[in-house]
Amino acid sequence: MAEVPAAEVPQAEKDELFCAYAAMILQDSELEISEANLNTLIKAAGGSIDAFFPTLFAKMCQGTDIEGMLKFGGGGGGGGGG
């Protein structure tokens, strides 16, 4: 992602990234991942996305273990070949 200038990232990918980052912030802040909260964070960050995307993303997150998906570690990599 860092290798592509922001101006060259397709709008659909920007929409997805805005929602994903906003959802992580809301989860970390122990706030509901709702359409309103997603829109508030995205607008506060200076973002602009298609209106349907936060609704879709909030519905997708309902009943999903977001916290579990955000936990890192524990998975160790493969050992070096001898």
PDB file of N, CA and C in Angstrom:
ATOM      1  N   MET A   1       0.822  -1.193   0.000  1.00  0.00           N
ATOM      2  CA  MET A   1       0.000   0.000   0.000  1.00  0.00           C
ATOM      3  C   MET A   1       0.865   1.255   0.000  1.00  0.00           C
ATOM      4  N   ALA A   2       1.929   1.272   0.756  1.00  0.00           N
ATOM      5  CA  ALA A   2       2.767   2.464   0.853  1.00  0.00           C
ATOM      6  C   ALA A   2       3.486   2.765  -0.458  1.00  0.00           C
ATOM      7  N   GLU A   3       3.558   1.783  -1.338  1.00  0.00           N
ATOM      8  CA  GLU A   3       4.260   1.983  -2.597  1.00  0.00           C
ATOM      9  C   GLU A   3       3.410   2.699  -3.641  1.00  0.00           C
ATOM     10  N   VAL A   4       2.131   2.886  -3.357  1.00  0.00           N
ATOM     11  CA  VAL A   4       1.219   3.525  -4.305  1.00  0.00           C
ATOM     12  C   VAL A   4       0.812   4.881  -3.745  1.00  0.00           C
ATOM     13  N   PRO A   5       0.990   5.948  -4.505  1.00  0.00           N
ATOM     14  CA  PRO A   5       0.535   7.264  -4.028  1.00  0.00           C
ATOM     15  C   PRO A   5      -0.970   7.238  -3.766  1.00  0.00           C
ATOM     16  N   ALA A   6      -1.407   7.910  -2.723  1.00  0.00           N
ATOM     17  CA  ALA A   6      -2.820   7.911  -2.336  1.00  0.00           C
ATOM     18  C   ALA A   6      -3.733   8.319  -3.477  1.00  0.00           C
ATOM     19  N   ALA A   7      -3.279   9.224  -4.323  1.00  0.00           N
ATOM     20  CA  ALA A   7      -4.102   9.687  -5.439  1.00  0.00           C
ATOM     21  C   ALA A   7      -4.368   8.580  -6.457  1.00  0.00           C
ATOM     22  N   GLU A   8      -3.542   7.527  -6.452  1.00  0.00           N
ATOM     23  CA  GLU A   8      -3.699   6.443  -7.414  1.00  0.00           C
ATOM     24  C   GLU A   8      -4.483   5.250  -6.867  1.00  0.00           C
ATOM     25  N   VAL A   9      -4.842   5.286  -5.590  1.00  0.00           N
ATOM     26  CA  VAL A   9      -5.606   4.194  -4.992  1.00  0.00           C
ATOM     27  C   VAL A   9      -7.060   4.330  -5.458  1.00  0.00           C
ATOM     28  N   PRO A  10      -7.647   3.258  -6.007  1.00  0.00           N
ATOM     29  CA  PRO A  10      -9.041   3.335  -6.456  1.00  0.00           C
ATOM     30  C   PRO A  10      -9.989   3.693  -5.304  1.00  0.00           C
ATOM     31  N   GLN A  11     -11.042   4.436  -5.614  1.00  0.00           N
ATOM     32  CA  GLN A  11     -11.981   4.895  -4.585  1.00  0.00           C
ATOM     33  C   GLN A  11     -12.574   3.740  -3.784  1.00  0.00           C
ATOM     34  N   ALA A  12     -12.884   2.625  -4.426  1.00  0.00           N
ATOM     35  CA  ALA A  12     -13.455   1.481  -3.710  1.00  0.00           C
ATOM     36  C   ALA A  12     -12.495   0.978  -2.626  1.00  0.00           C
ATOM     37  N   GLU A  13     -11.207   0.975  -2.913  1.00  0.00           N
ATOM     38  CA  GLU A  13     -10.218   0.542  -1.927  1.00  0.00           C
ATOM     39  C   GLU A  13     -10.105   1.559  -0.793  1.00  0.00           C
ATOM     40  N   LYS A  14     -10.181   2.842  -1.128  1.00  0.00           N
ATOM     41  CA  LYS A  14     -10.157   3.880  -0.091  1.00  0.00           C
ATOM     42  C   LYS A  14     -11.354   3.728   0.832  1.00  0.00           C
ATOM     43  N   ASP A  15     -12.529   3.467   0.258  1.00  0.00           N
ATOM     44  CA  ASP A  15     -13.736   3.280   1.063  1.00  0.00           C
ATOM     45  C   ASP A  15     -13.549   2.132   2.045  1.00  0.00           C
ATOM     46  N   GLU A  16     -13.025   1.025   1.547  1.00  0.00           N
ATOM     47  CA  GLU A  16     -12.812  -0.142   2.393  1.00  0.00           C
ATOM     48  C   GLU A  16     -11.797   0.146   3.498  1.00  0.00           C
ATOM     49  N   LEU A  17     -10.713   0.823   3.146  1.00  0.00           N
ATOM     50  CA  LEU A  17      -9.684   1.141   4.143  1.00  0.00           C
ATOM     51  C   LEU A  17     -10.217   2.099   5.207  1.00  0.00           C
ATOM     52  N   PHE A  18     -10.953   3.133   4.788  1.00  0.00           N
ATOM     53  CA  PHE A  18     -11.546   4.056   5.765  1.00  0.00           C
ATOM     54  C   PHE A  18     -12.415   3.294   6.754  1.00  0.00           C
ATOM     55  N   CYS A  19     -13.273   2.408   6.243  1.00  0.00           N
ATOM     56  CA  CYS A  19     -14.173   1.664   7.126  1.00  0.00           C
ATOM     57  C   CYS A  19     -13.410   0.695   8.026  1.00  0.00           C
ATOM     58  N   ALA A  20     -12.415   0.027   7.478  1.00  0.00           N
ATOM     59  CA  ALA A  20     -11.643  -0.934   8.276  1.00  0.00           C
ATOM     60  C   ALA A  20     -10.894  -0.232   9.409  1.00  0.00           C
ATOM     61  N   TYR A  21     -10.231   0.873   9.090  1.00  0.00           N
ATOM     62  CA  TYR A  21      -9.494   1.598  10.128  1.00  0.00           C
ATOM     63  C   TYR A  21     -10.444   2.198  11.161  1.00  0.00           C
ATOM     64  N   ALA A  22     -11.572   2.737  10.710  1.00  0.00           N
ATOM     65  CA  ALA A  22     -12.547   3.301  11.641  1.00  0.00           C
ATOM     66  C   ALA A  22     -13.106   2.205  12.543  1.00  0.00           C
ATOM     67  N   ALA A  23     -13.370   1.027  12.000  1.00  0.00           N
ATOM     68  CA  ALA A  23     -13.886  -0.088  12.803  1.00  0.00           C
ATOM     69  C   ALA A  23     -12.866  -0.516  13.858  1.00  0.00           C
ATOM     70  N   MET A  24     -11.587  -0.542  13.492  1.00  0.00           N
ATOM     71  CA  MET A  24     -10.559  -0.899  14.476  1.00  0.00           C
ATOM     72  C   MET A  24     -10.478   0.128  15.599  1.00  0.00           C
ATOM     73  N   ILE A  25     -10.587   1.388  15.244  1.00  0.00           N
ATOM     74  CA  ILE A  25     -10.562   2.453  16.265  1.00  0.00           C
ATOM     75  C   ILE A  25     -11.768   2.317  17.183  1.00  0.00           C
ATOM     76  N   LEU A  26     -12.946   2.094  16.612  1.00  0.00           N
ATOM     77  CA  LEU A  26     -14.154   1.949  17.425  1.00  0.00           C
ATOM     78  C   LEU A  26     -14.047   0.732  18.338  1.00  0.00           C
ATOM     79  N   GLN A  27     -13.561  -0.375  17.815  1.00  0.00           N
ATOM     80  CA  GLN A  27     -13.401  -1.588  18.630  1.00  0.00           C
ATOM     81  C   GLN A  27     -12.439  -1.337  19.774  1.00  0.00           C
ATOM     82  N   ASP A  28     -11.320  -0.698  19.478  1.00  0.00           N
ATOM     83  CA  ASP A  28     -10.321  -0.411  20.505  1.00  0.00           C
ATOM     84  C   ASP A  28     -10.865   0.545  21.563  1.00  0.00           C
ATOM     85  N   SER A  29     -11.775   1.418  21.149  1.00  0.00           N
ATOM     86  CA  SER A  29     -12.379   2.383  22.077  1.00  0.00           C
ATOM     87  C   SER A  29     -13.622   1.825  22.758  1.00  0.00           C
ATOM     88  N   GLU A  30     -13.930   0.559  22.484  1.00  0.00           N
ATOM     89  CA  GLU A  30     -15.094  -0.118  23.038  1.00  0.00           C
ATOM     90  C   GLU A  30     -16.394   0.608  22.702  1.00  0.00           C
ATOM     91  N   LEU A  31     -16.471   1.115  21.466  1.00  0.00           N
ATOM     92  CA  LEU A  31     -17.671   1.764  20.961  1.00  0.00           C
ATOM     93  C   LEU A  31     -18.309   0.881  19.898  1.00  0.00           C
ATOM     94  N   GLU A  32     -19.596   1.066  19.693  1.00  0.00           N
ATOM     95  CA  GLU A  32     -20.330   0.279  18.714  1.00  0.00           C
ATOM     96  C   GLU A  32     -19.837   0.590  17.296  1.00  0.00           C
ATOM     97  N   ILE A  33     -19.675  -0.454  16.509  1.00  0.00           N
ATOM     98  CA  ILE A  33     -19.318  -0.272  15.106  1.00  0.00           C
ATOM     99  C   ILE A  33     -20.626  -0.103  14.340  1.00  0.00           C
ATOM    100  N   SER A  34     -21.074   1.133  14.279  1.00  0.00           N
ATOM    101  CA  SER A  34     -22.345   1.461  13.637  1.00  0.00           C
ATOM    102  C   SER A  34     -22.098   2.386  12.453  1.00  0.00           C
ATOM    103  N   GLU A  35     -23.106   2.509  11.608  1.00  0.00           N
ATOM    104  CA  GLU A  35     -23.001   3.403  10.459  1.00  0.00           C
ATOM    105  C   GLU A  35     -22.679   4.822  10.911  1.00  0.00           C
ATOM    106  N   ALA A  36     -23.373   5.294  11.952  1.00  0.00           N
ATOM    107  CA  ALA A  36     -23.164   6.661  12.432  1.00  0.00           C
ATOM    108  C   ALA A  36     -21.744   6.856  12.958  1.00  0.00           C
ATOM    109  N   ASN A  37     -21.256   5.893  13.753  1.00  0.00           N
ATOM    110  CA  ASN A  37     -19.905   6.015  14.318  1.00  0.00           C
ATOM    111  C   ASN A  37     -18.831   5.926  13.233  1.00  0.00           C
ATOM    112  N   LEU A  38     -19.034   5.052  12.255  1.00  0.00           N
ATOM    113  CA  LEU A  38     -18.081   4.956  11.148  1.00  0.00           C
ATOM    114  C   LEU A  38     -18.034   6.280  10.388  1.00  0.00           C
ATOM    115  N   ASN A  39     -19.207   6.822  10.059  1.00  0.00           N
ATOM    116  CA  ASN A  39     -19.258   8.093   9.334  1.00  0.00           C
ATOM    117  C   ASN A  39     -18.603   9.223  10.115  1.00  0.00           C
ATOM    118  N   THR A  40     -18.838   9.266  11.426  1.00  0.00           N
ATOM    119  CA  THR A  40     -18.256  10.316  12.266  1.00  0.00           C
ATOM    120  C   THR A  40     -16.732  10.278  12.208  1.00  0.00           C
ATOM    121  N   LEU A  41     -16.164   9.093  12.356  1.00  0.00           N
ATOM    122  CA  LEU A  41     -14.704   8.964  12.334  1.00  0.00           C
ATOM    123  C   LEU A  41     -14.125   9.276  10.962  1.00  0.00           C
ATOM    124  N   ILE A  42     -14.771   8.798   9.931  1.00  0.00           N
ATOM    125  CA  ILE A  42     -14.263   9.026   8.573  1.00  0.00           C
ATOM    126  C   ILE A  42     -14.293  10.507   8.238  1.00  0.00           C
ATOM    127  N   LYS A  43     -15.378  11.180   8.590  1.00  0.00           N
ATOM    128  CA  LYS A  43     -15.469  12.622   8.334  1.00  0.00           C
ATOM    129  C   LYS A  43     -14.450  13.392   9.173  1.00  0.00           C
ATOM    130  N   ALA A  44     -14.233  12.958  10.418  1.00  0.00           N
ATOM    131  CA  ALA A  44     -13.247  13.621  11.285  1.00  0.00           C
ATOM    132  C   ALA A  44     -11.836  13.485  10.716  1.00  0.00           C
ATOM    133  N   ALA A  45     -11.602  12.389  10.003  1.00  0.00           N
ATOM    134  CA  ALA A  45     -10.286  12.163   9.389  1.00  0.00           C
ATOM    135  C   ALA A  45     -10.150  12.885   8.049  1.00  0.00           C
ATOM    136  N   GLY A  46     -11.208  13.552   7.633  1.00  0.00           N
ATOM    137  CA  GLY A  46     -11.167  14.267   6.362  1.00  0.00           C
ATOM    138  C   GLY A  46     -11.516  13.396   5.176  1.00  0.00           C
ATOM    139  N   GLY A  47     -12.064  12.218   5.448  1.00  0.00           N
ATOM    140  CA  GLY A  47     -12.397  11.293   4.380  1.00  0.00           C
ATOM    141  C   GLY A  47     -13.782  11.523   3.811  1.00  0.00           C
ATOM    142  N   SER A  48     -13.974  10.988   2.638  1.00  0.00           N
ATOM    143  CA  SER A  48     -15.265  11.049   1.961  1.00  0.00           C
ATOM    144  C   SER A  48     -15.447   9.726   1.240  1.00  0.00           C
ATOM    145  N   ILE A  49     -16.548   9.026   1.536  1.00  0.00           N
ATOM    146  CA  ILE A  49     -16.778   7.721   0.922  1.00  0.00           C
ATOM    147  C   ILE A  49     -18.209   7.619   0.426  1.00  0.00           C
ATOM    148  N   ASP A  50     -18.469   6.605  -0.403  1.00  0.00           N
ATOM    149  CA  ASP A  50     -19.817   6.358  -0.882  1.00  0.00           C
ATOM    150  C   ASP A  50     -20.733   6.076   0.298  1.00  0.00           C
ATOM    151  N   ALA A  51     -21.936   6.600   0.251  1.00  0.00           N
ATOM    152  CA  ALA A  51     -22.870   6.539   1.380  1.00  0.00           C
ATOM    153  C   ALA A  51     -23.236   5.114   1.795  1.00  0.00           C
ATOM    154  N   PHE A  52     -23.288   4.176   0.860  1.00  0.00           N
ATOM    155  CA  PHE A  52     -23.709   2.821   1.208  1.00  0.00           C
ATOM    156  C   PHE A  52     -22.652   2.042   1.976  1.00  0.00           C
ATOM    157  N   PHE A  53     -21.400   2.445   1.861  1.00  0.00           N
ATOM    158  CA  PHE A  53     -20.309   1.630   2.390  1.00  0.00           C
ATOM    159  C   PHE A  53     -20.329   1.487   3.917  1.00  0.00           C
ATOM    160  N   PRO A  54     -20.497   2.587   4.699  1.00  0.00           N
ATOM    161  CA  PRO A  54     -20.548   2.414   6.154  1.00  0.00           C
ATOM    162  C   PRO A  54     -21.711   1.533   6.616  1.00  0.00           C
ATOM    163  N   THR A  55     -22.844   1.632   5.935  1.00  0.00           N
ATOM    164  CA  THR A  55     -23.994   0.784   6.272  1.00  0.00           C
ATOM    165  C   THR A  55     -23.645  -0.677   6.050  1.00  0.00           C
ATOM    166  N   LEU A  56     -23.086  -0.977   4.896  1.00  0.00           N
ATOM    167  CA  LEU A  56     -22.696  -2.336   4.558  1.00  0.00           C
ATOM    168  C   LEU A  56     -21.645  -2.862   5.534  1.00  0.00           C
ATOM    169  N   PHE A  57     -20.644  -2.044   5.830  1.00  0.00           N
ATOM    170  CA  PHE A  57     -19.550  -2.463   6.707  1.00  0.00           C
ATOM    171  C   PHE A  57     -20.051  -2.714   8.133  1.00  0.00           C
ATOM    172  N   ALA A  58     -20.936  -1.831   8.634  1.00  0.00           N
ATOM    173  CA  ALA A  58     -21.483  -2.004   9.985  1.00  0.00           C
ATOM    174  C   ALA A  58     -22.285  -3.302  10.070  1.00  0.00           C
ATOM    175  N   LYS A  59     -23.093  -3.595   9.052  1.00  0.00           N
ATOM    176  CA  LYS A  59     -23.869  -4.840   9.041  1.00  0.00           C
ATOM    177  C   LYS A  59     -22.949  -6.049   8.980  1.00  0.00           C
ATOM    178  N   MET A  60     -21.857  -5.943   8.228  1.00  0.00           N
ATOM    179  CA  MET A  60     -20.908  -7.035   8.118  1.00  0.00           C
ATOM    180  C   MET A  60     -20.237  -7.317   9.472  1.00  0.00           C
ATOM    181  N   CYS A  61     -20.018  -6.279  10.256  1.00  0.00           N
ATOM    182  CA  CYS A  61     -19.327  -6.432  11.537  1.00  0.00           C
ATOM    183  C   CYS A  61     -20.235  -6.967  12.646  1.00  0.00           C
ATOM    184  N   GLN A  62     -21.550  -6.841  12.475  1.00  0.00           N
ATOM    185  CA  GLN A  62     -22.478  -7.328  13.489  1.00  0.00           C
ATOM    186  C   GLN A  62     -22.316  -8.825  13.681  1.00  0.00           C
ATOM    187  N   GLY A  63     -22.154  -9.239  14.929  1.00  0.00           N
ATOM    188  CA  GLY A  63     -22.019 -10.654  15.237  1.00  0.00           C
ATOM    189  C   GLY A  63     -20.663 -11.243  14.897  1.00  0.00           C
ATOM    190  N   THR A  64     -19.721 -10.398  14.502  1.00  0.00           N
ATOM    191  CA  THR A  64     -18.378 -10.860  14.159  1.00  0.00           C
ATOM    192  C   THR A  64     -17.442 -10.579  15.322  1.00  0.00           C
ATOM    193  N   ASP A  65     -16.555 -11.500  15.607  1.00  0.00           N
ATOM    194  CA  ASP A  65     -15.585 -11.318  16.695  1.00  0.00           C
ATOM    195  C   ASP A  65     -14.433 -10.440  16.207  1.00  0.00           C
ATOM    196  N   ILE A  66     -14.689  -9.140  16.141  1.00  0.00           N
ATOM    197  CA  ILE A  66     -13.675  -8.195  15.665  1.00  0.00           C
ATOM    198  C   ILE A  66     -12.464  -8.208  16.593  1.00  0.00           C
ATOM    199  N   GLU A  67     -12.708  -8.249  17.886  1.00  0.00           N
ATOM    200  CA  GLU A  67     -11.593  -8.253  18.846  1.00  0.00           C
ATOM    201  C   GLU A  67     -10.684  -9.459  18.621  1.00  0.00           C
ATOM    202  N   GLY A  68     -11.263 -10.604  18.389  1.00  0.00           N
ATOM    203  CA  GLY A  68     -10.486 -11.806  18.136  1.00  0.00           C
ATOM    204  C   GLY A  68      -9.649 -11.698  16.871  1.00  0.00           C
ATOM    205  N   MET A  69     -10.208 -11.034  15.860  1.00  0.00           N
ATOM    206  CA  MET A  69      -9.465 -10.866  14.613  1.00  0.00           C
ATOM    207  C   MET A  69      -8.317  -9.877  14.757  1.00  0.00           C
ATOM    208  N   LEU A  70      -8.407  -8.984  15.740  1.00  0.00           N
ATOM    209  CA  LEU A  70      -7.385  -7.974  15.912  1.00  0.00           C
ATOM    210  C   LEU A  70      -6.250  -8.389  16.832  1.00  0.00           C
ATOM    211  N   LYS A  71      -6.388  -9.548  17.472  1.00  0.00           N
ATOM    212  CA  LYS A  71      -5.321 -10.004  18.367  1.00  0.00           C
ATOM    213  C   LYS A  71      -4.161 -10.505  17.522  1.00  0.00           C
ATOM    214  N   PHE A  72      -2.984 -10.071  17.926  1.00  0.00           N
ATOM    215  CA  PHE A  72      -1.775 -10.458  17.196  1.00  0.00           C
ATOM    216  C   PHE A  72      -0.946 -11.431  18.016  1.00  0.00           C
ATOM    217  N   GLY A  73      -0.071 -12.131  17.349  1.00  0.00           N
ATOM    218  CA  GLY A  73       0.867 -12.997  18.042  1.00  0.00           C
ATOM    219  C   GLY A  73       0.339 -14.419  18.169  1.00  0.00           C
ATOM    220  N   GLY A  74       1.157 -15.245  18.733  1.00  0.00           N
ATOM    221  CA  GLY A  74       0.762 -16.616  19.001  1.00  0.00           C
ATOM    222  C   GLY A  74       0.929 -17.560  17.830  1.00  0.00           C
ATOM    223  N   GLY A  75       1.042 -17.056  16.644  1.00  0.00           N
ATOM    224  CA  GLY A  75       1.084 -17.914  15.477  1.00  0.00           C
ATOM    225  C   GLY A  75       2.476 -18.249  15.027  1.00  0.00           C
ATOM    226  N   GLY A  76       3.513 -18.133  15.499  1.00  0.00           N
ATOM    227  CA  GLY A  76       4.883 -18.357  15.076  1.00  0.00           C
ATOM    228  C   GLY A  76       5.078 -18.783  13.621  1.00  0.00           C
ATOM    229  N   GLY A  77       6.149 -18.379  13.055  1.00  0.00           N
ATOM    230  CA  GLY A  77       6.463 -18.731  11.666  1.00  0.00           C
ATOM    231  C   GLY A  77       7.138 -20.071  11.572  1.00  0.00           C
ATOM    232  N   GLY A  78       7.348 -20.506  10.358  1.00  0.00           N
ATOM    233  CA  GLY A  78       8.006 -21.789  10.142  1.00  0.00           C
ATOM    234  C   GLY A  78       9.487 -21.742  10.484  1.00  0.00           C
ATOM    235  N   GLY A  79      10.039 -22.853  10.819  1.00  0.00           N
ATOM    236  CA  GLY A  79      11.456 -22.934  11.143  1.00  0.00           C
ATOM    237  C   GLY A  79      12.310 -22.895   9.887  1.00  0.00           C
ATOM    238  N   GLY A  80      13.550 -22.537  10.058  1.00  0.00           N
ATOM    239  CA  GLY A  80      14.479 -22.481   8.920  1.00  0.00           C
ATOM    240  C   GLY A  80      14.811 -23.882   8.434  1.00  0.00           C
ATOM    241  N   GLY A  81      14.880 -24.027   7.147  1.00  0.00           N
ATOM    242  CA  GLY A  81      15.229 -25.341   6.563  1.00  0.00           C
ATOM    243  C   GLY A  81      16.711 -25.635   6.767  1.00  0.00           C
ATOM    244  N   GLY A  82      17.018 -26.850   7.043  1.00  0.00           N
ATOM    245  CA  GLY A  82      18.376 -27.215   7.383  1.00  0.00           C
ATOM    246  C   GLY A  82      19.197 -27.619   6.279  1.00  0.00           C
TER     247      GLY A  82
END
